[in-house]
N, C-alpha and C. Protein backbone atom coordinates (compact mmCIF):
# COMPACT_ATOMS: atom_id res chain seq x y z
N MET A 1 0.84 -1.18 0.00
CA MET A 1 0.00 0.00 0.00
C MET A 1 0.89 1.25 0.00
N PRO A 2 0.59 2.21 -0.86
CA PRO A 2 1.41 3.44 -0.92
C PRO A 2 1.32 4.27 0.36
N THR A 3 2.40 4.94 0.65
CA THR A 3 2.45 5.83 1.81
C THR A 3 2.06 7.24 1.38
N LYS A 4 1.12 7.85 2.09
CA LYS A 4 0.67 9.21 1.79
C LYS A 4 1.38 10.17 2.75
N THR A 5 2.02 11.19 2.19
CA THR A 5 2.65 12.23 3.01
C THR A 5 2.26 13.59 2.47
N THR A 6 2.22 14.56 3.36
CA THR A 6 1.88 15.93 2.98
C THR A 6 3.08 16.82 3.29
N TRP A 7 3.42 17.70 2.36
CA TRP A 7 4.60 18.55 2.47
C TRP A 7 4.25 20.00 2.19
N LYS A 8 4.86 20.91 2.91
CA LYS A 8 4.81 22.34 2.61
C LYS A 8 6.05 22.61 1.76
N VAL A 9 5.82 23.00 0.51
CA VAL A 9 6.93 23.17 -0.43
C VAL A 9 6.98 24.61 -0.91
N ARG A 10 8.17 25.19 -0.86
CA ARG A 10 8.43 26.51 -1.43
C ARG A 10 9.64 26.36 -2.34
N ALA A 11 9.44 26.54 -3.64
CA ALA A 11 10.50 26.36 -4.62
C ALA A 11 10.51 27.53 -5.59
N ARG A 12 11.71 27.92 -6.02
CA ARG A 12 11.83 29.05 -6.95
C ARG A 12 13.01 28.79 -7.89
N VAL A 13 12.79 29.10 -9.17
CA VAL A 13 13.85 29.03 -10.18
C VAL A 13 13.89 30.38 -10.86
N GLU A 14 15.10 30.97 -10.93
CA GLU A 14 15.22 32.27 -11.60
C GLU A 14 16.42 32.28 -12.53
N LYS A 15 16.24 33.03 -13.63
CA LYS A 15 17.30 33.15 -14.63
C LYS A 15 17.07 34.44 -15.42
N ASN A 16 18.11 35.24 -15.53
CA ASN A 16 18.06 36.50 -16.30
C ASN A 16 16.92 37.41 -15.87
N GLY A 17 16.68 37.49 -14.57
CA GLY A 17 15.63 38.38 -14.06
C GLY A 17 14.22 37.83 -14.16
N ARG A 18 14.06 36.65 -14.73
CA ARG A 18 12.74 36.02 -14.84
C ARG A 18 12.69 34.87 -13.85
N TYR A 19 11.51 34.58 -13.32
CA TYR A 19 11.41 33.52 -12.33
C TYR A 19 10.05 32.84 -12.37
N ALA A 20 10.01 31.68 -11.76
CA ALA A 20 8.76 30.94 -11.52
C ALA A 20 8.90 30.34 -10.13
N GLU A 21 7.80 30.34 -9.38
CA GLU A 21 7.88 29.78 -8.04
C GLU A 21 6.63 28.99 -7.70
N TYR A 22 6.79 28.14 -6.70
CA TYR A 22 5.71 27.30 -6.19
C TYR A 22 5.74 27.44 -4.68
N ASP A 23 4.63 27.79 -4.09
CA ASP A 23 4.53 27.93 -2.63
C ASP A 23 3.17 27.39 -2.22
N ASP A 24 3.14 26.10 -1.90
CA ASP A 24 1.86 25.47 -1.60
C ASP A 24 2.10 24.16 -0.85
N VAL A 25 1.02 23.45 -0.59
CA VAL A 25 1.09 22.16 0.06
C VAL A 25 0.97 21.08 -1.01
N ALA A 26 1.85 20.07 -0.92
CA ALA A 26 1.84 18.97 -1.88
C ALA A 26 1.56 17.67 -1.14
N THR A 27 0.68 16.86 -1.68
CA THR A 27 0.39 15.54 -1.13
C THR A 27 0.99 14.51 -2.07
N LEU A 28 1.82 13.64 -1.51
CA LEU A 28 2.52 12.64 -2.32
C LEU A 28 2.14 11.24 -1.88
N TYR A 29 2.04 10.34 -2.84
CA TYR A 29 1.82 8.93 -2.59
C TYR A 29 3.05 8.19 -3.09
N SER A 30 3.75 7.54 -2.19
CA SER A 30 5.00 6.86 -2.55
C SER A 30 4.88 5.36 -2.28
N PRO A 31 5.19 4.53 -3.27
CA PRO A 31 5.10 3.08 -3.06
C PRO A 31 6.26 2.53 -2.23
N THR A 32 7.31 3.33 -2.04
CA THR A 32 8.51 2.82 -1.35
C THR A 32 8.73 3.44 0.01
N GLY A 33 7.73 4.03 0.61
CA GLY A 33 7.88 4.65 1.93
C GLY A 33 7.91 6.16 1.84
N VAL A 34 8.41 6.81 2.89
CA VAL A 34 8.42 8.27 2.96
C VAL A 34 9.62 8.82 2.20
N PRO A 35 9.40 9.72 1.22
CA PRO A 35 10.52 10.30 0.49
C PRO A 35 11.26 11.32 1.36
N ALA A 36 12.52 11.55 1.03
CA ALA A 36 13.32 12.56 1.73
C ALA A 36 12.91 13.95 1.25
N ALA A 37 13.13 14.95 2.10
CA ALA A 37 12.78 16.33 1.74
C ALA A 37 13.49 16.77 0.48
N LYS A 38 14.75 16.37 0.30
CA LYS A 38 15.49 16.78 -0.90
C LYS A 38 14.87 16.18 -2.17
N ASP A 39 14.29 14.99 -2.06
CA ASP A 39 13.64 14.37 -3.22
C ASP A 39 12.34 15.08 -3.57
N VAL A 40 11.60 15.50 -2.56
CA VAL A 40 10.35 16.24 -2.77
C VAL A 40 10.67 17.57 -3.44
N LEU A 41 11.68 18.27 -2.94
CA LEU A 41 12.07 19.56 -3.52
C LEU A 41 12.58 19.38 -4.95
N ALA A 42 13.38 18.37 -5.19
CA ALA A 42 13.91 18.12 -6.53
C ALA A 42 12.78 17.84 -7.52
N ALA A 43 11.77 17.10 -7.09
CA ALA A 43 10.63 16.82 -7.97
C ALA A 43 9.87 18.09 -8.32
N GLN A 44 9.71 18.97 -7.34
CA GLN A 44 8.99 20.22 -7.60
C GLN A 44 9.79 21.14 -8.51
N LEU A 45 11.09 21.22 -8.30
CA LEU A 45 11.94 22.06 -9.17
C LEU A 45 11.94 21.52 -10.60
N THR A 46 11.95 20.21 -10.73
CA THR A 46 11.88 19.59 -12.07
C THR A 46 10.58 19.96 -12.76
N GLU A 47 9.48 19.96 -12.01
CA GLU A 47 8.18 20.33 -12.58
C GLU A 47 8.15 21.80 -13.01
N ILE A 48 8.76 22.67 -12.22
CA ILE A 48 8.83 24.09 -12.59
C ILE A 48 9.58 24.26 -13.91
N VAL A 49 10.73 23.60 -14.03
CA VAL A 49 11.53 23.74 -15.26
C VAL A 49 10.81 23.09 -16.44
N ARG A 50 10.07 22.01 -16.20
CA ARG A 50 9.31 21.38 -17.29
C ARG A 50 8.25 22.33 -17.83
N GLN A 51 7.61 23.09 -16.93
CA GLN A 51 6.57 24.02 -17.34
C GLN A 51 7.13 25.34 -17.87
N HIS A 52 8.37 25.67 -17.49
CA HIS A 52 9.01 26.91 -17.91
C HIS A 52 10.42 26.61 -18.42
N PRO A 53 10.54 26.03 -19.61
CA PRO A 53 11.86 25.59 -20.10
C PRO A 53 12.87 26.72 -20.28
N HIS A 54 12.42 27.97 -20.42
CA HIS A 54 13.36 29.08 -20.57
C HIS A 54 14.17 29.32 -19.29
N LEU A 55 13.76 28.70 -18.17
CA LEU A 55 14.48 28.84 -16.90
C LEU A 55 15.51 27.74 -16.67
N ARG A 56 15.64 26.82 -17.61
CA ARG A 56 16.61 25.73 -17.47
C ARG A 56 18.01 26.31 -17.29
N GLY A 57 18.72 25.81 -16.29
CA GLY A 57 20.07 26.30 -16.01
C GLY A 57 20.09 27.49 -15.08
N GLY A 58 18.93 27.89 -14.58
CA GLY A 58 18.86 29.04 -13.67
C GLY A 58 19.16 28.63 -12.23
N LYS A 59 19.10 29.60 -11.35
CA LYS A 59 19.35 29.38 -9.93
C LYS A 59 18.10 28.80 -9.28
N ALA A 60 18.25 27.65 -8.62
CA ALA A 60 17.12 26.98 -7.97
C ALA A 60 17.28 27.06 -6.45
N THR A 61 16.22 27.48 -5.77
CA THR A 61 16.22 27.54 -4.31
C THR A 61 14.90 26.99 -3.81
N GLY A 62 14.89 26.58 -2.54
CA GLY A 62 13.63 26.15 -1.98
C GLY A 62 13.78 25.31 -0.73
N THR A 63 12.63 24.99 -0.14
CA THR A 63 12.56 24.14 1.03
C THR A 63 11.35 23.23 0.93
N ALA A 64 11.44 22.09 1.59
CA ALA A 64 10.31 21.16 1.70
C ALA A 64 10.26 20.68 3.14
N THR A 65 9.11 20.87 3.78
CA THR A 65 8.93 20.50 5.17
C THR A 65 7.75 19.55 5.27
N ARG A 66 7.97 18.42 5.90
CA ARG A 66 6.90 17.43 6.03
C ARG A 66 5.88 17.88 7.08
N ILE A 67 4.61 17.85 6.70
CA ILE A 67 3.53 18.22 7.60
C ILE A 67 3.02 16.99 8.34
N ASN A 68 2.78 15.90 7.61
CA ASN A 68 2.39 14.65 8.27
C ASN A 68 2.82 13.45 7.46
C-alpha cells in the first residue's frame, strides 16, 4: 500500500531576471515509503523547469517540510 505524506513546499527558479515559483502544500503517494525532503524539492523544481523551459540552467532555491 502506498504511503501518503503531505509537504509544505516553497521552490523558486530564476534566470536572467525572470522567475517561476511554487509555494503550496503537496500531497505525495509513494510506493517505497516516505521520500526525503530533498527528493520532494527536486521533484517540484523539475516540474517548474518542465513548465518553464526558458528557466533551465537558472538558480534553484527552496525548502520542503513534512507536515504529516
